[in-house]
N, C-alpha and C. Protein backbone atom coordinates (compact mmCIF):
# COMPACT_ATOMS: atom_id res chain seq x y z
N UNK A 1 54.15 -5.38 -42.63
CA UNK A 1 53.74 -6.69 -42.05
C UNK A 1 54.05 -7.65 -43.48
N UNK A 2 54.34 -8.66 -43.96
CA UNK A 2 54.04 -9.30 -45.54
C UNK A 2 53.75 -10.40 -45.03
N UNK A 3 53.10 -10.75 -46.27
CA UNK A 3 52.32 -11.45 -46.91
C UNK A 3 52.41 -12.08 -47.65
N UNK A 4 52.62 -13.89 -47.46
CA UNK A 4 52.23 -14.18 -49.22
C UNK A 4 51.40 -14.19 -49.97
N UNK A 5 51.28 -14.22 -51.15
CA UNK A 5 50.03 -13.58 -52.28
C UNK A 5 49.29 -15.27 -52.04
N UNK A 6 48.44 -15.09 -52.60
CA UNK A 6 47.64 -16.96 -52.70
C UNK A 6 47.62 -16.31 -54.75
N UNK A 7 48.18 -17.95 -54.74
CA UNK A 7 48.10 -17.60 -56.69
C UNK A 7 47.53 -19.07 -57.10
N UNK A 8 45.99 -19.25 -57.04
CA UNK A 8 45.30 -19.79 -57.84
C UNK A 8 45.07 -19.33 -58.68
N UNK A 9 45.11 -20.55 -59.99
CA UNK A 9 44.29 -19.98 -61.44
C UNK A 9 42.37 -19.51 -60.76
N UNK A 10 41.94 -18.41 -61.16
CA UNK A 10 40.20 -18.95 -61.35
C UNK A 10 39.46 -19.49 -61.52
N UNK A 11 38.73 -20.36 -60.28
CA UNK A 11 37.43 -21.53 -60.49
C UNK A 11 37.37 -21.40 -61.77
N UNK A 12 37.19 -23.09 -61.81
CA UNK A 12 36.85 -23.36 -63.32
C UNK A 12 34.97 -22.65 -63.51
N UNK A 13 34.69 -21.90 -65.01
CA UNK A 13 33.70 -21.95 -65.42
C UNK A 13 33.51 -20.31 -64.68
N UNK A 14 34.42 -19.52 -64.60
CA UNK A 14 33.97 -18.63 -63.96
C UNK A 14 33.28 -17.34 -64.56
N UNK A 15 32.65 -17.04 -64.18
CA UNK A 15 31.52 -16.52 -64.98
C UNK A 15 31.74 -14.49 -65.32
N UNK A 16 31.38 -14.15 -66.24
CA UNK A 16 31.80 -12.93 -66.17
C UNK A 16 31.33 -11.48 -64.45
N UNK A 17 30.06 -12.52 -63.26
CA UNK A 17 30.29 -11.49 -62.04
C UNK A 17 31.04 -12.19 -61.44
N UNK A 18 31.86 -12.75 -61.45
CA UNK A 18 33.13 -13.28 -60.59
C UNK A 18 33.92 -12.10 -60.16
N UNK A 19 33.99 -11.96 -58.95
CA UNK A 19 34.39 -10.33 -58.41
C UNK A 19 35.80 -10.73 -57.94
N UNK A 20 37.04 -10.05 -57.76
CA UNK A 20 39.09 -10.37 -57.71
C UNK A 20 38.45 -10.07 -55.69
N UNK A 21 38.94 -10.42 -54.85
CA UNK A 21 38.98 -9.85 -53.77
C UNK A 21 40.46 -9.96 -53.46
N UNK A 22 40.83 -8.61 -52.12
CA UNK A 22 41.73 -8.72 -51.77
C UNK A 22 41.90 -8.83 -49.96
N UNK A 23 42.51 -9.46 -49.72
CA UNK A 23 42.40 -9.08 -47.89
C UNK A 23 43.80 -8.68 -47.55
N UNK A 24 42.87 -7.17 -46.92
CA UNK A 24 43.64 -6.46 -45.96
C UNK A 24 44.50 -7.19 -44.20
N UNK A 25 44.37 -8.02 -44.57
CA UNK A 25 44.49 -8.65 -42.90
C UNK A 25 43.61 -8.30 -41.81
N UNK A 26 42.24 -8.09 -42.10
CA UNK A 26 41.61 -8.45 -41.57
C UNK A 26 40.02 -9.06 -41.64
N UNK A 27 39.64 -8.61 -43.42
CA UNK A 27 38.62 -8.59 -44.04
C UNK A 27 38.68 -9.26 -45.50
N UNK A 28 38.40 -9.22 -46.24
CA UNK A 28 38.09 -9.76 -47.87
C UNK A 28 37.76 -8.13 -48.36
N UNK A 29 38.30 -7.57 -49.69
CA UNK A 29 37.44 -6.47 -49.90
C UNK A 29 37.02 -6.48 -51.55
N UNK A 30 35.60 -6.64 -51.74
CA UNK A 30 35.71 -6.87 -53.88
C UNK A 30 36.65 -5.42 -54.20
N UNK A 31 36.80 -5.65 -55.02
CA UNK A 31 37.97 -4.66 -55.85
C UNK A 31 37.40 -4.48 -57.59
N UNK A 32 37.62 -5.66 -58.27
CA UNK A 32 37.08 -5.39 -60.03
C UNK A 32 36.63 -6.85 -60.29
N UNK A 33 35.52 -7.38 -60.89
CA UNK A 33 34.76 -8.07 -61.88
C UNK A 33 36.21 -8.61 -62.33
N UNK A 34 36.87 -9.35 -62.31
CA UNK A 34 37.52 -10.76 -62.74
C UNK A 34 37.44 -10.55 -64.79
N UNK A 35 36.71 -10.72 -64.86
CA UNK A 35 36.90 -10.66 -66.23
C UNK A 35 37.20 -9.16 -66.67
N UNK A 36 37.41 -7.96 -65.68
CA UNK A 36 37.85 -6.90 -66.78
C UNK A 36 39.56 -7.28 -66.41
N UNK A 37 40.15 -7.65 -66.08
CA UNK A 37 41.54 -8.07 -65.72
C UNK A 37 42.03 -8.72 -67.47
N UNK A 38 42.30 -7.79 -67.79
CA UNK A 38 43.57 -8.98 -68.72
C UNK A 38 44.38 -8.97 -68.58
N UNK A 39 44.78 -10.71 -68.93
CA UNK A 39 46.08 -11.50 -69.06
C UNK A 39 47.61 -10.57 -69.07
N UNK A 40 48.24 -10.93 -67.68
CA UNK A 40 49.59 -9.62 -68.13
C UNK A 40 49.44 -8.59 -68.20
N UNK A 41 48.36 -8.09 -67.58
CA UNK A 41 48.33 -6.33 -67.38
C UNK A 41 47.88 -6.13 -66.12
N UNK A 42 48.53 -4.92 -65.29
CA UNK A 42 48.18 -4.45 -64.11
C UNK A 42 47.29 -3.68 -63.96
N UNK A 43 46.50 -3.54 -62.96
CA UNK A 43 45.42 -2.25 -62.44
C UNK A 43 45.79 -1.73 -61.37
N UNK A 44 45.94 -0.59 -61.05
CA UNK A 44 45.92 0.33 -59.59
C UNK A 44 44.49 -0.31 -58.63
N UNK A 45 44.30 -0.64 -57.37
CA UNK A 45 43.18 -0.36 -56.78
C UNK A 45 43.68 -0.27 -55.70
N UNK A 46 42.79 0.71 -55.07
CA UNK A 46 42.70 1.23 -53.68
C UNK A 46 41.91 -0.02 -52.57
N UNK A 47 42.39 -0.01 -51.68
CA UNK A 47 41.76 -0.88 -50.31
C UNK A 47 42.68 -0.07 -49.25
N UNK A 48 41.68 0.27 -48.72
CA UNK A 48 41.20 0.88 -47.32
C UNK A 48 42.13 1.94 -47.38
N UNK A 49 42.76 3.00 -48.28
CA UNK A 49 43.79 3.43 -48.24
C UNK A 49 45.09 3.02 -49.07
N UNK A 50 44.97 2.09 -49.20
CA UNK A 50 46.64 1.15 -49.20
C UNK A 50 46.27 0.63 -51.23
N UNK A 51 47.47 1.49 -51.93
CA UNK A 51 47.11 1.49 -53.65
C UNK A 51 48.12 0.25 -53.25
N UNK A 52 47.33 -0.99 -54.68
CA UNK A 52 47.91 -2.04 -54.31
C UNK A 52 47.61 -2.36 -56.26
N UNK A 53 48.81 -2.77 -56.75
CA UNK A 53 48.99 -3.32 -57.71
C UNK A 53 48.57 -4.41 -58.14
N UNK A 54 47.20 -4.55 -59.00
CA UNK A 54 46.57 -6.42 -59.05
C UNK A 54 47.11 -6.48 -59.92
N UNK A 55 47.14 -7.94 -60.47
CA UNK A 55 47.65 -8.45 -61.93
C UNK A 55 46.82 -10.08 -62.21
N UNK A 56 46.48 -10.27 -63.24
CA UNK A 56 46.30 -11.36 -63.73
C UNK A 56 47.36 -11.80 -64.91
N UNK A 57 48.03 -12.79 -64.52
CA UNK A 57 48.71 -13.32 -65.42
C UNK A 57 48.06 -14.15 -66.53
N UNK A 58 49.23 -14.69 -67.04
CA UNK A 58 48.83 -15.69 -68.67
C UNK A 58 48.18 -16.63 -67.95
N UNK A 59 48.57 -16.90 -67.49
CA UNK A 59 47.67 -19.30 -66.32
C UNK A 59 46.57 -18.21 -65.45
N UNK A 60 45.86 -17.14 -65.56
CA UNK A 60 44.93 -16.98 -64.77
C UNK A 60 45.22 -16.64 -63.28
N UNK A 61 46.09 -17.02 -62.76
CA UNK A 61 46.76 -16.58 -61.68
C UNK A 61 46.37 -15.22 -60.87
N UNK A 62 46.03 -15.10 -59.74
CA UNK A 62 46.44 -13.63 -59.72
C UNK A 62 46.93 -12.79 -58.45
N UNK A 63 47.48 -11.59 -58.30
CA UNK A 63 48.58 -11.52 -57.60
C UNK A 63 48.58 -9.82 -57.58
N UNK A 64 48.82 -9.08 -56.04
CA UNK A 64 48.24 -8.05 -55.32
C UNK A 64 50.03 -7.84 -54.89
N UNK A 65 50.19 -6.45 -54.93
CA UNK A 65 51.54 -6.13 -54.35
C UNK A 65 51.48 -5.07 -54.72
N UNK A 66 52.24 -3.61 -53.70
CA UNK A 66 52.27 -2.81 -53.17
C UNK A 66 52.49 -1.96 -54.90
N UNK A 67 51.40 -0.58 -54.84
CA UNK A 67 51.84 0.04 -56.38
C UNK A 67 53.01 0.87 -56.85
N UNK A 68 53.26 1.05 -54.98
CA UNK A 68 54.46 2.03 -54.29
C UNK A 68 56.07 1.06 -55.00
N UNK A 69 57.04 2.26 -56.09
CA UNK A 69 58.21 1.55 -56.22
C UNK A 69 59.30 2.19 -55.14
N UNK A 70 59.57 1.14 -54.64
CA UNK A 70 60.26 1.78 -53.19
C UNK A 70 61.75 2.30 -53.70
N UNK A 71 61.86 2.34 -55.28
CA UNK A 71 62.98 2.93 -55.57
C UNK A 71 63.15 4.08 -55.66
N UNK A 72 61.71 4.56 -56.29
CA UNK A 72 61.47 5.75 -57.17
C UNK A 72 60.40 6.31 -55.96
N UNK A 73 59.81 4.99 -55.88
CA UNK A 73 58.64 6.51 -54.95
C UNK A 73 57.76 6.60 -55.40
N UNK A 74 57.32 6.34 -56.49
CA UNK A 74 56.04 6.66 -56.93
C UNK A 74 55.51 5.66 -57.70
N UNK A 75 54.40 5.91 -57.41
CA UNK A 75 52.88 5.04 -57.68
C UNK A 75 52.87 4.52 -59.16
N UNK A 76 53.71 3.40 -59.65
CA UNK A 76 53.36 2.47 -60.78
C UNK A 76 53.85 1.08 -60.92
N UNK A 77 53.37 1.04 -60.57
CA UNK A 77 53.99 -1.57 -60.52
C UNK A 77 52.82 -1.19 -60.85
N UNK A 78 51.53 -0.76 -60.91
CA UNK A 78 50.75 -1.15 -62.19
C UNK A 78 51.06 -1.34 -63.31
N UNK A 79 52.31 -0.77 -63.46
CA UNK A 79 52.00 -0.59 -64.98
C UNK A 79 53.94 -1.66 -65.20
N UNK A 80 53.99 -2.26 -64.01
CA UNK A 80 55.46 -2.72 -64.48
C UNK A 80 54.55 -4.27 -65.52
N UNK A 81 56.07 -4.87 -65.79
CA UNK A 81 55.83 -6.13 -66.76
C UNK A 81 55.82 -7.14 -65.78
N UNK A 82 55.45 -8.54 -66.36
CA UNK A 82 55.28 -9.60 -65.55
C UNK A 82 56.16 -10.86 -66.23
N UNK A 83 57.32 -11.51 -66.01
CA UNK A 83 58.00 -12.16 -66.78
C UNK A 83 58.11 -13.68 -65.57
N UNK A 84 59.54 -14.00 -66.18
CA UNK A 84 60.14 -14.80 -64.62
C UNK A 84 61.71 -14.58 -64.79
N UNK A 85 62.31 -14.94 -64.01
CA UNK A 85 63.82 -15.05 -63.83
C UNK A 85 64.68 -15.96 -63.35
N UNK A 86 64.94 -17.60 -63.71
CA UNK A 86 65.32 -18.56 -63.08
C UNK A 86 64.16 -19.27 -62.33
N UNK A 87 63.18 -18.93 -63.04
CA UNK A 87 61.89 -19.68 -62.52
C UNK A 87 61.43 -18.82 -61.57
N UNK A 88 61.67 -17.80 -61.37
CA UNK A 88 61.06 -17.09 -60.02
C UNK A 88 59.46 -16.29 -61.04
N UNK A 89 58.32 -16.07 -60.92
CA UNK A 89 57.43 -15.20 -61.42
C UNK A 89 58.07 -13.34 -61.20
N UNK A 90 57.86 -12.89 -61.67
CA UNK A 90 58.15 -11.48 -61.49
C UNK A 90 57.54 -10.47 -62.02
N UNK A 91 57.68 -9.53 -60.89
CA UNK A 91 56.79 -8.11 -61.85
C UNK A 91 58.15 -7.32 -61.54
N UNK A 92 58.79 -6.62 -62.92
CA UNK A 92 60.22 -5.82 -63.67
C UNK A 92 59.39 -3.92 -63.29
N UNK A 93 59.74 -3.26 -62.33
CA UNK A 93 59.11 -2.13 -62.30
C UNK A 93 59.53 -1.27 -63.46
N UNK A 94 58.47 -0.35 -63.76
CA UNK A 94 58.82 0.43 -64.91
C UNK A 94 59.51 1.11 -64.97
N UNK A 95 60.25 1.74 -63.73
CA UNK A 95 61.29 3.13 -63.52
C UNK A 95 62.56 2.67 -63.38
N UNK A 96 62.67 1.44 -62.98
CA UNK A 96 64.68 1.56 -62.60
C UNK A 96 64.88 -0.59 -63.06
N UNK A 97 63.58 -0.70 -63.62
CA UNK A 97 63.95 -2.47 -64.03
C UNK A 97 64.08 -3.01 -62.74
N UNK A 98 63.80 -2.88 -61.84
CA UNK A 98 64.31 -3.99 -60.54
C UNK A 98 63.55 -4.94 -60.93
N UNK A 99 63.76 -6.25 -60.65
CA UNK A 99 62.78 -7.50 -60.47
C UNK A 99 62.66 -8.02 -58.79
N UNK A 100 60.88 -8.30 -58.98
CA UNK A 100 60.49 -7.89 -57.87
C UNK A 100 59.79 -9.49 -57.40
N UNK A 101 60.00 -10.53 -56.70
CA UNK A 101 59.09 -12.14 -56.93
C UNK A 101 58.00 -11.74 -56.68
N UNK A 102 56.70 -12.72 -57.46
CA UNK A 102 55.58 -12.21 -57.61
C UNK A 102 54.72 -12.71 -56.16
N UNK A 103 55.45 -13.96 -55.79
CA UNK A 103 54.87 -14.49 -54.31
C UNK A 103 55.30 -14.05 -52.93
N UNK A 104 56.82 -13.18 -52.94
CA UNK A 104 56.95 -12.41 -51.69
C UNK A 104 57.20 -10.94 -51.77
N UNK A 105 56.96 -10.59 -52.89
CA UNK A 105 57.92 -9.33 -53.37
C UNK A 105 59.27 -9.17 -53.08
N UNK A 106 59.67 -9.74 -52.66
CA UNK A 106 61.05 -9.50 -52.53
C UNK A 106 61.45 -8.99 -53.75
N UNK A 107 62.67 -7.68 -53.36
CA UNK A 107 63.47 -7.65 -54.77
C UNK A 107 64.86 -8.41 -55.30
N UNK A 108 64.56 -9.15 -56.18
CA UNK A 108 65.90 -10.22 -56.11
C UNK A 108 66.72 -9.31 -57.37
N UNK A 109 67.41 -7.87 -57.49
CA UNK A 109 69.04 -7.27 -57.85
C UNK A 109 69.06 -6.66 -56.46
N UNK A 110 68.39 -5.85 -55.64
CA UNK A 110 69.06 -5.29 -54.68
C UNK A 110 68.56 -5.56 -53.16
N UNK A 111 68.91 -5.52 -52.01
CA UNK A 111 68.68 -5.62 -50.82
C UNK A 111 67.80 -4.73 -50.27
N UNK A 112 68.72 -3.27 -50.45
CA UNK A 112 67.91 -2.14 -49.98
C UNK A 112 67.43 -1.01 -50.94
N UNK A 113 66.29 -0.47 -50.65
CA UNK A 113 65.75 1.04 -51.51
C UNK A 113 66.83 2.28 -51.08
N UNK A 114 66.83 3.02 -51.84
CA UNK A 114 67.70 4.28 -51.77
C UNK A 114 67.25 5.01 -50.31
N UNK A 115 66.43 4.46 -49.58
CA UNK A 115 66.05 4.95 -48.12
C UNK A 115 66.39 4.63 -46.86
N UNK A 116 67.69 3.39 -47.47
CA UNK A 116 67.74 2.31 -45.98
C UNK A 116 66.86 1.33 -46.21
N UNK A 117 65.60 1.33 -46.40
CA UNK A 117 64.65 0.26 -46.42
C UNK A 117 64.57 -0.71 -47.14
N UNK A 118 63.80 -2.17 -46.50
CA UNK A 118 64.32 -3.20 -46.97
C UNK A 118 63.32 -3.13 -48.88
N UNK A 119 64.68 -3.44 -49.42
CA UNK A 119 63.61 -3.25 -51.09
C UNK A 119 62.84 -4.83 -51.20
N UNK A 120 61.41 -4.41 -50.91
CA UNK A 120 60.44 -5.76 -51.03
C UNK A 120 59.12 -4.47 -50.83
N UNK A 121 58.07 -5.49 -51.71
CA UNK A 121 56.65 -4.87 -52.21
C UNK A 121 55.98 -5.81 -51.19
N UNK A 122 55.26 -5.41 -50.36
CA UNK A 122 54.10 -5.70 -49.80
C UNK A 122 53.30 -6.49 -50.52
N UNK A 123 53.23 -7.51 -50.40
CA UNK A 123 51.90 -8.55 -50.78
C UNK A 123 50.42 -8.81 -50.16
N UNK A 124 49.40 -8.79 -50.78
CA UNK A 124 48.28 -8.95 -50.13
C UNK A 124 47.75 -10.59 -50.68
N UNK A 125 46.81 -11.18 -49.84
CA UNK A 125 46.27 -12.08 -49.79
C UNK A 125 45.36 -12.05 -50.95
N UNK A 126 44.23 -12.42 -52.16
CA UNK A 126 43.76 -12.54 -53.54
C UNK A 126 42.73 -13.75 -53.66
N UNK A 127 41.71 -13.30 -54.19
CA UNK A 127 40.33 -14.31 -54.81
C UNK A 127 40.04 -14.14 -55.64
N UNK A 128 39.27 -15.06 -56.35
CA UNK A 128 38.51 -14.75 -56.99
C UNK A 128 36.96 -15.27 -56.49
N UNK A 129 35.69 -14.45 -55.90
CA UNK A 129 34.89 -15.23 -55.22
C UNK A 129 33.48 -14.73 -55.94
């Protein structure tokens, strides 16, 4: 199942106690205080057995995508680089440098992974509560 991320800046006046939550399709899971996220860097989080790469971009928006790189199979996406390509916000894999749309998880470089599956990262809804 692919879900498009909700990417809204943190509420004005966000306090250090504001918590980032990720939705697994059934409920919201608190994962980390918003203040602990460094803009431009990712952190791996575990939600109900799923490894997720959580990012806070330089505008304060949050993105949650699969931590597993579909090309290498390694759980490294939280180490990827945030940027843009043709106006599309992207996460670049630290392994083979494929770019993935932060909003949809779609790979902008290749349509299929080496195992024949669709080259896409699952995305989760994320919010600050």
